[in-house]
PDB file of N, CA and C in Angstrom:
ATOM      1  N   MET A   1       2.183  29.279 -14.301  1.00  0.00           N
ATOM      2  CA  MET A   1       3.432  28.322 -14.266  1.00  0.00           C
ATOM      3  C   MET A   1       3.584  27.588 -13.220  1.00  0.00           C
ATOM      4  N   LYS A   2       3.971  28.239 -11.987  1.00  0.00           N
ATOM      5  CA  LYS A   2       4.383  27.731 -10.530  1.00  0.00           C
ATOM      6  C   LYS A   2       3.089  26.664 -10.182  1.00  0.00           C
ATOM      7  N   LYS A   3       1.701  27.401 -10.582  1.00  0.00           N
ATOM      8  CA  LYS A   3       0.693  26.581 -10.002  1.00  0.00           C
ATOM      9  C   LYS A   3       0.533  25.248 -10.645  1.00  0.00           C
ATOM     10  N   LEU A   4       0.833  25.313 -11.895  1.00  0.00           N
ATOM     11  CA  LEU A   4       0.931  24.003 -12.768  1.00  0.00           C
ATOM     12  C   LEU A   4       1.875  22.894 -12.130  1.00  0.00           C
ATOM     13  N   GLU A   5       3.077  23.411 -11.885  1.00  0.00           N
ATOM     14  CA  GLU A   5       4.023  22.551 -11.473  1.00  0.00           C
ATOM     15  C   GLU A   5       3.489  22.036  -9.845  1.00  0.00           C
ATOM     16  N   LEU A   6       3.076  22.806  -9.277  1.00  0.00           N
ATOM     17  CA  LEU A   6       2.465  22.331  -7.769  1.00  0.00           C
ATOM     18  C   LEU A   6       1.383  21.379  -7.744  1.00  0.00           C
ATOM     19  N   GLN A   7       0.423  21.695  -8.944  1.00  0.00           N
ATOM     20  CA  GLN A   7      -0.547  20.587  -9.213  1.00  0.00           C
ATOM     21  C   GLN A   7      -0.119  19.201  -9.474  1.00  0.00           C
ATOM     22  N   ASP A   8       0.908  19.332 -10.553  1.00  0.00           N
ATOM     23  CA  ASP A   8       1.586  18.020 -11.047  1.00  0.00           C
ATOM     24  C   ASP A   8       2.173  17.417  -9.717  1.00  0.00           C
ATOM     25  N   HIS A   9       2.912  18.020  -8.782  1.00  0.00           N
ATOM     26  CA  HIS A   9       3.629  17.342  -7.627  1.00  0.00           C
ATOM     27  C   HIS A   9       2.572  16.813  -6.829  1.00  0.00           C
ATOM     28  N   GLN A  10       1.522  17.453  -6.740  1.00  0.00           N
ATOM     29  CA  GLN A  10       0.419  16.895  -6.040  1.00  0.00           C
ATOM     30  C   GLN A  10      -0.230  15.792  -6.378  1.00  0.00           C
ATOM     31  N   VAL A  11      -0.465  15.639  -7.693  1.00  0.00           N
ATOM     32  CA  VAL A  11      -0.945  14.358  -8.316  1.00  0.00           C
ATOM     33  C   VAL A  11       0.057  13.301  -8.244  1.00  0.00           C
ATOM     34  N   GLU A  12       1.139  13.504  -8.485  1.00  0.00           N
ATOM     35  CA  GLU A  12       2.158  12.518  -8.318  1.00  0.00           C
ATOM     36  C   GLU A  12       2.207  11.891  -6.832  1.00  0.00           C
ATOM     37  N   LEU A  13       2.327  12.938  -5.733  1.00  0.00           N
ATOM     38  CA  LEU A  13       2.403  12.600  -4.339  1.00  0.00           C
ATOM     39  C   LEU A  13       1.159  11.776  -4.029  1.00  0.00           C
ATOM     40  N   ASP A  14      -0.010  12.160  -4.484  1.00  0.00           N
ATOM     41  CA  ASP A  14      -1.256  11.509  -4.399  1.00  0.00           C
ATOM     42  C   ASP A  14      -1.097  10.020  -4.818  1.00  0.00           C
ATOM     43  N   SER A  15      -0.602   9.759  -5.913  1.00  0.00           N
ATOM     44  CA  SER A  15      -0.568   8.478  -6.687  1.00  0.00           C
ATOM     45  C   SER A  15       0.643   7.621  -5.871  1.00  0.00           C
ATOM     46  N   ILE A  16       1.709   8.403  -5.382  1.00  0.00           N
ATOM     47  CA  ILE A  16       2.617   7.573  -4.393  1.00  0.00           C
ATOM     48  C   ILE A  16       1.956   7.071  -3.038  1.00  0.00           C
ATOM     49  N   LEU A  17       1.186   8.091  -2.726  1.00  0.00           N
ATOM     50  CA  LEU A  17       0.377   7.628  -1.229  1.00  0.00           C
ATOM     51  C   LEU A  17      -0.553   6.780  -1.335  1.00  0.00           C
ATOM     52  N   ASP A  18      -1.291   6.589  -2.650  1.00  0.00           N
ATOM     53  CA  ASP A  18      -2.375   5.405  -3.003  1.00  0.00           C
ATOM     54  C   ASP A  18      -1.589   4.093  -3.085  1.00  0.00           C
ATOM     55  N   HIS A  19      -0.610   4.086  -3.794  1.00  0.00           N
ATOM     56  CA  HIS A  19       0.402   3.007  -4.211  1.00  0.00           C
ATOM     57  C   HIS A  19       0.807   2.268  -2.919  1.00  0.00           C
ATOM     58  N   ARG A  20       1.487   3.320  -1.889  1.00  0.00           N
ATOM     59  CA  ARG A  20       1.915   2.892  -0.769  1.00  0.00           C
ATOM     60  C   ARG A  20       0.897   2.350   0.204  1.00  0.00           C
ATOM     61  N   LYS A  21      -0.553   2.733   0.063  1.00  0.00           N
ATOM     62  CA  LYS A  21      -1.521   2.159   0.826  1.00  0.00           C
ATOM     63  C   LYS A  21      -1.924   0.718   0.254  1.00  0.00           C
ATOM     64  N   ARG A  22      -1.843   0.820  -0.911  1.00  0.00           N
ATOM     65  CA  ARG A  22      -2.365  -0.510  -1.504  1.00  0.00           C
ATOM     66  C   ARG A  22      -1.175  -1.515  -1.110  1.00  0.00           C
ATOM     67  N   LEU A  23      -0.078  -1.138  -1.134  1.00  0.00           N
ATOM     68  CA  LEU A  23       1.185  -2.110  -0.748  1.00  0.00           C
ATOM     69  C   LEU A  23       1.339  -2.606   0.528  1.00  0.00           C
ATOM     70  N   ASP A  24       0.672  -1.757   1.289  1.00  0.00           N
ATOM     71  CA  ASP A  24       0.589  -1.830   2.907  1.00  0.00           C
ATOM     72  C   ASP A  24      -0.568  -3.035   3.086  1.00  0.00           C
ATOM     73  N   ASP A  25      -1.637  -2.435   2.212  1.00  0.00           N
ATOM     74  CA  ASP A  25      -2.821  -3.410   2.702  1.00  0.00           C
ATOM     75  C   ASP A  25      -2.425  -4.908   1.889  1.00  0.00           C
ATOM     76  N   ALA A  26      -1.826  -5.027   0.976  1.00  0.00           N
ATOM     77  CA  ALA A  26      -1.531  -6.494   0.407  1.00  0.00           C
ATOM     78  C   ALA A  26      -0.465  -6.797   1.222  1.00  0.00           C
ATOM     79  N   TYR A  27       0.275  -6.139   1.925  1.00  0.00           N
ATOM     80  CA  TYR A  27       1.404  -7.053   2.781  1.00  0.00           C
ATOM     81  C   TYR A  27       0.377  -7.529   3.909  1.00  0.00           C
ATOM     82  N   GLU A  28      -0.545  -6.776   4.415  1.00  0.00           N
ATOM     83  CA  GLU A  28      -1.402  -7.231   5.809  1.00  0.00           C
ATOM     84  C   GLU A  28      -1.941  -8.348   5.531  1.00  0.00           C
ATOM     85  N   ARG A  29      -2.542  -8.203   4.280  1.00  0.00           N
ATOM     86  CA  ARG A  29      -3.323  -9.581   3.962  1.00  0.00           C
ATOM     87  C   ARG A  29      -2.444 -10.665   3.752  1.00  0.00           C
ATOM     88  N   GLN A  30      -1.355 -10.612   3.058  1.00  0.00           N
ATOM     89  CA  GLN A  30      -0.626 -11.778   2.987  1.00  0.00           C
ATOM     90  C   GLN A  30      -0.147 -12.017   4.372  1.00  0.00           C
ATOM     91  N   SER A  31       0.468 -11.181   5.347  1.00  0.00           N
ATOM     92  CA  SER A  31       0.978 -11.440   6.345  1.00  0.00           C
ATOM     93  C   SER A  31      -0.136 -12.540   7.299  1.00  0.00           C
ATOM     94  N   LYS A  32      -1.348 -11.893   7.389  1.00  0.00           N
ATOM     95  CA  LYS A  32      -2.477 -12.717   7.949  1.00  0.00           C
ATOM     96  C   LYS A  32      -2.724 -13.967   7.438  1.00  0.00           C
ATOM     97  N   TRP A  33      -2.871 -14.116   6.022  1.00  0.00           N
ATOM     98  CA  TRP A  33      -2.857 -15.534   5.666  1.00  0.00           C
ATOM     99  C   TRP A  33      -1.812 -16.455   6.023  1.00  0.00           C
ATOM    100  N   LEU A  34      -0.615 -15.840   5.784  1.00  0.00           N
ATOM    101  CA  LEU A  34       0.513 -16.985   6.371  1.00  0.00           C
ATOM    102  C   LEU A  34       0.536 -17.422   7.730  1.00  0.00           C
ATOM    103  N   GLU A  35      -0.014 -16.257   8.406  1.00  0.00           N
ATOM    104  CA  GLU A  35      -0.097 -16.608   9.970  1.00  0.00           C
ATOM    105  C   GLU A  35      -1.266 -17.649  10.388  1.00  0.00           C
ATOM    106  N   GLU A  36      -2.294 -17.587   9.362  1.00  0.00           N
ATOM    107  CA  GLU A  36      -3.418 -18.496   9.474  1.00  0.00           C
ATOM    108  C   GLU A  36      -2.857 -19.684   9.034  1.00  0.00           C
ATOM    109  N   ARG A  37      -2.219 -19.841   8.160  1.00  0.00           N
ATOM    110  CA  ARG A  37      -1.718 -21.172   7.473  1.00  0.00           C
ATOM    111  C   ARG A  37      -0.834 -21.718   8.623  1.00  0.00           C
ATOM    112  N   GLU A  38       0.047 -21.079   9.198  1.00  0.00           N
ATOM    113  CA  GLU A  38       1.031 -21.641  10.116  1.00  0.00           C
ATOM    114  C   GLU A  38       0.375 -22.258  10.994  1.00  0.00           C
ATOM    115  N   PHE A  39      -0.627 -21.464  11.807  1.00  0.00           N
ATOM    116  CA  PHE A  39      -1.470 -22.176  12.986  1.00  0.00           C
ATOM    117  C   PHE A  39      -2.225 -23.210  12.408  1.00  0.00           C
ATOM    118  N   SER A  40      -2.594 -23.412  10.987  1.00  0.00           N
ATOM    119  CA  SER A  40      -3.359 -24.597  10.883  1.00  0.00           C
ATOM    120  C   SER A  40      -2.658 -25.707  10.714  1.00  0.00           C
ATOM    121  N   VAL A  41      -1.305 -25.340  10.323  1.00  0.00           N
ATOM    122  CA  VAL A  41      -0.301 -26.336  10.266  1.00  0.00           C
ATOM    123  C   VAL A  41       0.214 -27.163  11.548  1.00  0.00           C
ATOM    124  N   ILE A  42       0.112 -26.097  12.429  1.00  0.00           N
ATOM    125  CA  ILE A  42       0.538 -26.770  13.606  1.00  0.00           C
ATOM    126  C   ILE A  42      -0.548 -27.299  14.447  1.00  0.00           C
ATOM    127  N   LYS A  43      -1.674 -27.150  14.196  1.00  0.00           N
ATOM    128  CA  LYS A  43      -2.693 -28.019  15.168  1.00  0.00           C
ATOM    129  C   LYS A  43      -3.010 -29.272  14.474  1.00  0.00           C
TER     130      LYS A  43
END
């Protein structure tokens, strides 16, 4: 029973970490895009 709980927690943790990585990646892409747009407008 305890082993099953640990496995469930690990699955949930893996899901959270994966979601965080995808959000971080999306944020970086958006930030880079906005920076490029900013510099293209300034030129």
